[in-house]
PDB file of N, CA and C in Angstrom:
ATOM      1  N   MET A   1       0.713  -1.145  -0.075  1.00  0.00           N
ATOM      2  CA  MET A   1       0.180  -0.113   0.141  1.00  0.00           C
ATOM      3  C   MET A   1       0.893   1.135  -0.027  1.00  0.00           C
ATOM      4  N   ARG A   2       0.590   2.179  -0.820  1.00  0.00           N
ATOM      5  CA  ARG A   2       1.291   3.357  -0.834  1.00  0.00           C
ATOM      6  C   ARG A   2       0.813   4.546   0.061  1.00  0.00           C
ATOM      7  N   ARG A   3       1.651   5.257   0.412  1.00  0.00           N
ATOM      8  CA  ARG A   3       1.539   6.098   1.426  1.00  0.00           C
ATOM      9  C   ARG A   3       1.520   7.538   0.677  1.00  0.00           C
ATOM     10  N   MET A   4       0.529   8.259   0.748  1.00  0.00           N
ATOM     11  CA  MET A   4       0.254   9.649   0.182  1.00  0.00           C
ATOM     12  C   MET A   4       1.231  10.753   1.027  1.00  0.00           C
ATOM     13  N   LYS A   5       1.757  11.502   0.142  1.00  0.00           N
ATOM     14  CA  LYS A   5       2.643  12.578   0.879  1.00  0.00           C
ATOM     15  C   LYS A   5       1.652  13.576   1.550  1.00  0.00           C
ATOM     16  N   PRO A   6       2.219  13.939   2.725  1.00  0.00           N
ATOM     17  CA  PRO A   6       1.229  14.955   3.358  1.00  0.00           C
ATOM     18  C   PRO A   6       1.372  16.371   2.678  1.00  0.00           C
ATOM     19  N   PRO A   7       0.241  17.058   2.623  1.00  0.00           N
ATOM     20  CA  PRO A   7       0.262  18.397   1.796  1.00  0.00           C
ATOM     21  C   PRO A   7       1.353  19.305   2.490  1.00  0.00           C
ATOM     22  N   ASN A   8       2.016  19.877   1.569  1.00  0.00           N
ATOM     23  CA  ASN A   8       3.020  20.877   1.787  1.00  0.00           C
ATOM     24  C   ASN A   8       2.262  22.131   2.394  1.00  0.00           C
ATOM     25  N   SER A   9       2.959  22.701   3.428  1.00  0.00           N
ATOM     26  CA  SER A   9       2.348  23.858   4.088  1.00  0.00           C
ATOM     27  C   SER A   9       2.830  25.094   3.265  1.00  0.00           C
ATOM     28  N   GLN A  10       4.035  25.159   2.626  1.00  0.00           N
ATOM     29  CA  GLN A  10       4.577  26.055   2.010  1.00  0.00           C
ATOM     30  C   GLN A  10       4.341  25.975   0.444  1.00  0.00           C
ATOM     31  N   PRO A  11       4.055  26.840  -0.188  1.00  0.00           N
ATOM     32  CA  PRO A  11       3.929  26.841  -1.778  1.00  0.00           C
ATOM     33  C   PRO A  11       5.269  26.779  -2.387  1.00  0.00           C
ATOM     34  N   GLU A  12       5.230  25.923  -3.477  1.00  0.00           N
ATOM     35  CA  GLU A  12       6.477  25.599  -4.272  1.00  0.00           C
ATOM     36  C   GLU A  12       7.000  26.892  -4.609  1.00  0.00           C
ATOM     37  N   ARG A  13       8.261  27.113  -4.602  1.00  0.00           N
ATOM     38  CA  ARG A  13       8.967  28.426  -5.138  1.00  0.00           C
ATOM     39  C   ARG A  13       9.273  28.304  -6.656  1.00  0.00           C
ATOM     40  N   VAL A  14       8.868  29.274  -7.548  1.00  0.00           N
ATOM     41  CA  VAL A  14       9.241  29.201  -8.846  1.00  0.00           C
ATOM     42  C   VAL A  14       9.976  30.416  -8.847  1.00  0.00           C
ATOM     43  N   ALA A  15      11.014  30.078  -9.986  1.00  0.00           N
ATOM     44  CA  ALA A  15      12.160  31.010 -10.176  1.00  0.00           C
ATOM     45  C   ALA A  15      11.340  32.134 -10.995  1.00  0.00           C
ATOM     46  N   TRP A  16      11.906  33.498 -10.904  1.00  0.00           N
ATOM     47  CA  TRP A  16      11.179  34.535 -11.501  1.00  0.00           C
ATOM     48  C   TRP A  16      11.303  34.504 -13.099  1.00  0.00           C
ATOM     49  N   TYR A  17      12.272  33.927 -13.761  1.00  0.00           N
ATOM     50  CA  TYR A  17      12.318  33.962 -15.071  1.00  0.00           C
ATOM     51  C   TYR A  17      11.548  32.712 -15.699  1.00  0.00           C
ATOM     52  N   ARG A  18      10.716  32.126 -14.735  1.00  0.00           N
ATOM     53  CA  ARG A  18       9.791  31.036 -15.134  1.00  0.00           C
ATOM     54  C   ARG A  18       8.218  31.683 -15.149  1.00  0.00           C
ATOM     55  N   VAL A  19       8.247  32.852 -14.793  1.00  0.00           N
ATOM     56  CA  VAL A  19       6.913  33.446 -14.979  1.00  0.00           C
ATOM     57  C   VAL A  19       6.607  34.260 -16.054  1.00  0.00           C
ATOM     58  N   PRO A  20       5.498  33.927 -16.752  1.00  0.00           N
ATOM     59  CA  PRO A  20       5.363  34.529 -18.022  1.00  0.00           C
ATOM     60  C   PRO A  20       4.934  36.159 -17.990  1.00  0.00           C
ATOM     61  N   VAL A  21       4.295  36.496 -16.805  1.00  0.00           N
ATOM     62  CA  VAL A  21       3.873  37.715 -16.608  1.00  0.00           C
ATOM     63  C   VAL A  21       4.980  38.776 -16.321  1.00  0.00           C
ATOM     64  N   VAL A  22       6.129  38.063 -15.845  1.00  0.00           N
ATOM     65  CA  VAL A  22       7.311  38.947 -15.594  1.00  0.00           C
ATOM     66  C   VAL A  22       7.940  39.347 -17.164  1.00  0.00           C
ATOM     67  N   TRP A  23       7.793  38.303 -18.069  1.00  0.00           N
ATOM     68  CA  TRP A  23       8.451  38.535 -19.182  1.00  0.00           C
ATOM     69  C   TRP A  23       7.607  39.406 -20.221  1.00  0.00           C
ATOM     70  N   LEU A  24       6.325  39.729 -19.953  1.00  0.00           N
ATOM     71  CA  LEU A  24       5.593  40.500 -20.448  1.00  0.00           C
ATOM     72  C   LEU A  24       5.781  41.713 -20.036  1.00  0.00           C
ATOM     73  N   GLY A  25       5.802  42.001 -18.768  1.00  0.00           N
ATOM     74  CA  GLY A  25       6.369  43.368 -18.148  1.00  0.00           C
ATOM     75  C   GLY A  25       7.846  43.815 -18.701  1.00  0.00           C
ATOM     76  N   VAL A  26       8.626  42.740 -18.865  1.00  0.00           N
ATOM     77  CA  VAL A  26      10.102  43.348 -19.409  1.00  0.00           C
ATOM     78  C   VAL A  26       9.965  43.941 -20.741  1.00  0.00           C
ATOM     79  N   LEU A  27       8.890  42.954 -21.558  1.00  0.00           N
ATOM     80  CA  LEU A  27       9.034  43.336 -22.915  1.00  0.00           C
ATOM     81  C   LEU A  27       8.103  44.763 -23.077  1.00  0.00           C
ATOM     82  N   ILE A  28       7.228  44.825 -22.389  1.00  0.00           N
ATOM     83  CA  ILE A  28       6.488  46.320 -22.278  1.00  0.00           C
ATOM     84  C   ILE A  28       7.450  47.410 -22.046  1.00  0.00           C
ATOM     85  N   LEU A  29       8.191  47.193 -20.944  1.00  0.00           N
ATOM     86  CA  LEU A  29       9.155  48.262 -20.510  1.00  0.00           C
ATOM     87  C   LEU A  29      10.160  48.520 -21.548  1.00  0.00           C
ATOM     88  N   ALA A  30      10.592  47.528 -22.097  1.00  0.00           N
ATOM     89  CA  ALA A  30      11.716  47.587 -23.308  1.00  0.00           C
ATOM     90  C   ALA A  30      10.973  48.144 -24.297  1.00  0.00           C
ATOM     91  N   ALA A  31       9.599  47.969 -24.823  1.00  0.00           N
ATOM     92  CA  ALA A  31       9.156  48.832 -25.870  1.00  0.00           C
ATOM     93  C   ALA A  31       8.667  50.160 -25.434  1.00  0.00           C
ATOM     94  N   SER A  32       8.672  50.503 -24.552  1.00  0.00           N
ATOM     95  CA  SER A  32       8.196  51.917 -23.841  1.00  0.00           C
ATOM     96  C   SER A  32       9.474  52.751 -23.995  1.00  0.00           C
ATOM     97  N   LEU A  33      10.712  52.004 -23.550  1.00  0.00           N
ATOM     98  CA  LEU A  33      12.054  52.778 -23.674  1.00  0.00           C
ATOM     99  C   LEU A  33      12.479  53.004 -25.204  1.00  0.00           C
ATOM    100  N   ALA A  34      12.162  51.934 -25.918  1.00  0.00           N
ATOM    101  CA  ALA A  34      12.554  52.167 -27.340  1.00  0.00           C
ATOM    102  C   ALA A  34      11.781  53.087 -28.061  1.00  0.00           C
ATOM    103  N   GLY A  35      10.473  53.322 -27.620  1.00  0.00           N
ATOM    104  CA  GLY A  35       9.439  54.248 -28.082  1.00  0.00           C
ATOM    105  C   GLY A  35      10.254  55.734 -27.780  1.00  0.00           C
ATOM    106  N   CYS A  36      10.560  55.912 -26.516  1.00  0.00           N
ATOM    107  CA  CYS A  36      11.010  57.007 -26.091  1.00  0.00           C
ATOM    108  C   CYS A  36      12.197  57.409 -26.847  1.00  0.00           C
ATOM    109  N   VAL A  37      13.222  56.409 -26.970  1.00  0.00           N
ATOM    110  CA  VAL A  37      14.423  56.819 -27.795  1.00  0.00           C
ATOM    111  C   VAL A  37      13.954  57.216 -29.184  1.00  0.00           C
ATOM    112  N   TRP A  38      13.130  56.599 -29.897  1.00  0.00           N
ATOM    113  CA  TRP A  38      12.808  56.678 -31.327  1.00  0.00           C
ATOM    114  C   TRP A  38      12.132  58.273 -31.371  1.00  0.00           C
ATOM    115  N   ILE A  39      11.345  58.592 -30.444  1.00  0.00           N
ATOM    116  CA  ILE A  39      10.585  59.864 -30.521  1.00  0.00           C
ATOM    117  C   ILE A  39      11.603  60.919 -30.368  1.00  0.00           C
ATOM    118  N   ILE A  40      12.883  60.690 -29.561  1.00  0.00           N
ATOM    119  CA  ILE A  40      13.760  61.841 -29.378  1.00  0.00           C
ATOM    120  C   ILE A  40      14.610  61.854 -30.617  1.00  0.00           C
ATOM    121  N   VAL A  41      15.091  60.776 -31.172  1.00  0.00           N
ATOM    122  CA  VAL A  41      15.916  60.662 -32.319  1.00  0.00           C
ATOM    123  C   VAL A  41      15.220  61.424 -33.687  1.00  0.00           C
ATOM    124  N   ALA A  42      13.634  60.976 -33.640  1.00  0.00           N
ATOM    125  CA  ALA A  42      12.921  61.586 -34.764  1.00  0.00           C
ATOM    126  C   ALA A  42      12.892  63.061 -34.644  1.00  0.00           C
ATOM    127  N   SER A  43      12.737  63.605 -33.318  1.00  0.00           N
ATOM    128  CA  SER A  43      12.329  64.991 -33.193  1.00  0.00           C
ATOM    129  C   SER A  43      13.666  65.965 -33.435  1.00  0.00           C
ATOM    130  N   VAL A  44      14.763  65.114 -33.627  1.00  0.00           N
ATOM    131  CA  VAL A  44      16.081  65.894 -33.639  1.00  0.00           C
ATOM    132  C   VAL A  44      16.072  66.757 -35.078  1.00  0.00           C
ATOM    133  N   GLN A  45      15.490  66.148 -36.184  1.00  0.00           N
ATOM    134  CA  GLN A  45      15.609  66.533 -37.456  1.00  0.00           C
ATOM    135  C   GLN A  45      14.455  67.650 -37.716  1.00  0.00           C
ATOM    136  N   TYR A  46      13.523  68.141 -36.871  1.00  0.00           N
ATOM    137  CA  TYR A  46      12.745  69.341 -36.938  1.00  0.00           C
ATOM    138  C   TYR A  46      13.261  70.458 -35.967  1.00  0.00           C
ATOM    139  N   ARG A  47      13.329  71.565 -36.551  1.00  0.00           N
ATOM    140  CA  ARG A  47      13.735  72.797 -36.136  1.00  0.00           C
ATOM    141  C   ARG A  47      12.658  73.180 -35.103  1.00  0.00           C
ATOM    142  N   ASP A  48      12.803  73.898 -34.106  1.00  0.00           N
ATOM    143  CA  ASP A  48      12.078  74.479 -33.124  1.00  0.00           C
ATOM    144  C   ASP A  48      11.849  75.991 -33.503  1.00  0.00           C
ATOM    145  N   GLU A  49      11.262  76.418 -34.442  1.00  0.00           N
ATOM    146  CA  GLU A  49      10.939  77.708 -34.837  1.00  0.00           C
ATOM    147  C   GLU A  49      10.851  78.690 -33.468  1.00  0.00           C
ATOM    148  N   ALA A  50      11.363  79.838 -33.558  1.00  0.00           N
ATOM    149  CA  ALA A  50      10.852  80.737 -32.562  1.00  0.00           C
ATOM    150  C   ALA A  50       9.477  81.457 -33.012  1.00  0.00           C
ATOM    151  N   LEU A  51       8.821  81.720 -32.031  1.00  0.00           N
ATOM    152  CA  LEU A  51       7.328  82.219 -32.278  1.00  0.00           C
ATOM    153  C   LEU A  51       7.585  83.947 -32.475  1.00  0.00           C
ATOM    154  N   PRO A  52       6.978  84.547 -33.422  1.00  0.00           N
ATOM    155  CA  PRO A  52       7.029  85.793 -33.719  1.00  0.00           C
ATOM    156  C   PRO A  52       6.334  86.647 -32.502  1.00  0.00           C
ATOM    157  N   VAL A  53       7.065  86.828 -31.494  1.00  0.00           N
ATOM    158  CA  VAL A  53       6.422  87.504 -30.074  1.00  0.00           C
ATOM    159  C   VAL A  53       7.315  88.826 -30.209  1.00  0.00           C
ATOM    160  N   SER A  54       6.599  89.985 -29.991  1.00  0.00           N
ATOM    161  CA  SER A  54       7.423  91.251 -29.482  1.00  0.00           C
ATOM    162  C   SER A  54       7.193  91.572 -28.021  1.00  0.00           C
ATOM    163  N   SER A  55       6.311  90.809 -27.357  1.00  0.00           N
ATOM    164  CA  SER A  55       5.908  91.171 -25.901  1.00  0.00           C
ATOM    165  C   SER A  55       6.953  90.538 -25.201  1.00  0.00           C
ATOM    166  N   HIS A  56       6.904  90.927 -23.843  1.00  0.00           N
ATOM    167  CA  HIS A  56       7.718  90.266 -22.791  1.00  0.00           C
ATOM    168  C   HIS A  56       7.475  88.730 -22.566  1.00  0.00           C
ATOM    169  N   SER A  57       8.380  87.940 -22.301  1.00  0.00           N
ATOM    170  CA  SER A  57       8.219  86.390 -22.075  1.00  0.00           C
ATOM    171  C   SER A  57       8.820  86.161 -20.704  1.00  0.00           C
ATOM    172  N   VAL A  58       8.337  85.166 -20.301  1.00  0.00           N
ATOM    173  CA  VAL A  58       8.837  84.560 -18.984  1.00  0.00           C
ATOM    174  C   VAL A  58       9.349  83.035 -19.386  1.00  0.00           C
ATOM    175  N   MET A  59      10.530  82.808 -19.342  1.00  0.00           N
ATOM    176  CA  MET A  59      11.275  81.469 -19.699  1.00  0.00           C
ATOM    177  C   MET A  59      10.674  81.092 -21.124  1.00  0.00           C
ATOM    178  N   GLY A  60      10.650  81.912 -22.051  1.00  0.00           N
ATOM    179  CA  GLY A  60      10.373  81.672 -23.285  1.00  0.00           C
ATOM    180  C   GLY A  60       8.851  81.467 -23.698  1.00  0.00           C
ATOM    181  N   VAL A  61       7.982  81.876 -22.830  1.00  0.00           N
ATOM    182  CA  VAL A  61       6.723  81.790 -22.817  1.00  0.00           C
ATOM    183  C   VAL A  61       6.020  83.200 -22.749  1.00  0.00           C
ATOM    184  N   PRO A  62       5.203  83.582 -23.757  1.00  0.00           N
ATOM    185  CA  PRO A  62       4.825  84.893 -23.831  1.00  0.00           C
ATOM    186  C   PRO A  62       3.896  85.236 -22.478  1.00  0.00           C
ATOM    187  N   ALA A  63       4.027  86.355 -21.996  1.00  0.00           N
ATOM    188  CA  ALA A  63       3.429  86.781 -20.637  1.00  0.00           C
ATOM    189  C   ALA A  63       2.037  87.172 -20.853  1.00  0.00           C
ATOM    190  N   HIS A  64       1.669  87.529 -22.017  1.00  0.00           N
ATOM    191  CA  HIS A  64       0.385  87.999 -22.543  1.00  0.00           C
ATOM    192  C   HIS A  64      -0.079  87.307 -23.636  1.00  0.00           C
ATOM    193  N   PRO A  65      -1.527  87.166 -23.598  1.00  0.00           N
ATOM    194  CA  PRO A  65      -2.041  86.311 -24.793  1.00  0.00           C
ATOM    195  C   PRO A  65      -2.151  87.238 -26.020  1.00  0.00           C
ATOM    196  N   HIS A  66      -2.211  86.454 -27.012  1.00  0.00           N
ATOM    197  CA  HIS A  66      -2.232  87.381 -28.342  1.00  0.00           C
ATOM    198  C   HIS A  66      -3.723  87.948 -28.460  1.00  0.00           C
ATOM    199  N   PRO A  67      -3.833  89.235 -29.211  1.00  0.00           N
ATOM    200  CA  PRO A  67      -5.104  89.555 -29.438  1.00  0.00           C
ATOM    201  C   PRO A  67      -5.831  88.668 -30.409  1.00  0.00           C
ATOM    202  N   PRO A  68      -7.011  88.576 -30.292  1.00  0.00           N
ATOM    203  CA  PRO A  68      -7.885  87.631 -31.313  1.00  0.00           C
ATOM    204  C   PRO A  68      -7.654  88.251 -32.847  1.00  0.00           C
ATOM    205  N   PRO A  69      -7.464  87.414 -33.776  1.00  0.00           N
ATOM    206  CA  PRO A  69      -7.588  87.957 -35.264  1.00  0.00           C
ATOM    207  C   PRO A  69      -8.740  88.513 -35.584  1.00  0.00           C
ATOM    208  N   ALA A  70      -8.556  89.643 -36.479  1.00  0.00           N
ATOM    209  CA  ALA A  70      -9.645  90.309 -36.904  1.00  0.00           C
ATOM    210  C   ALA A  70     -10.493  89.538 -37.877  1.00  0.00           C
ATOM    211  N   SER A  71     -11.675  89.402 -37.727  1.00  0.00           N
ATOM    212  CA  SER A  71     -12.577  88.655 -38.325  1.00  0.00           C
ATOM    213  C   SER A  71     -13.003  89.525 -39.711  1.00  0.00           C
ATOM    214  N   SER A  72     -13.109  88.594 -41.001  1.00  0.00           N
ATOM    215  CA  SER A  72     -13.145  89.235 -42.143  1.00  0.00           C
ATOM    216  C   SER A  72     -14.754  89.120 -42.741  1.00  0.00           C
ATOM    217  N   ARG A  73     -15.328  89.978 -42.187  1.00  0.00           N
ATOM    218  CA  ARG A  73     -16.898  90.106 -42.474  1.00  0.00           C
ATOM    219  C   ARG A  73     -17.243  90.693 -43.604  1.00  0.00           C
TER     220      ARG A  73
END
């Protein structure tokens, strides 16, 4: 007659690299970082034109709003 093993009170430990959710998280993180790098590299080719502002600016942002354009009626 075979004896059954008593139930283990502690769950079996699984190595982190054998859990598919961890690999999914690593894949999403790598894709996010690659996307950030791609956006930065792609944006280098476009110039940041200065705005035609004659008023005072604070840290490069106009301090006063532009007047609304005259409507052509």
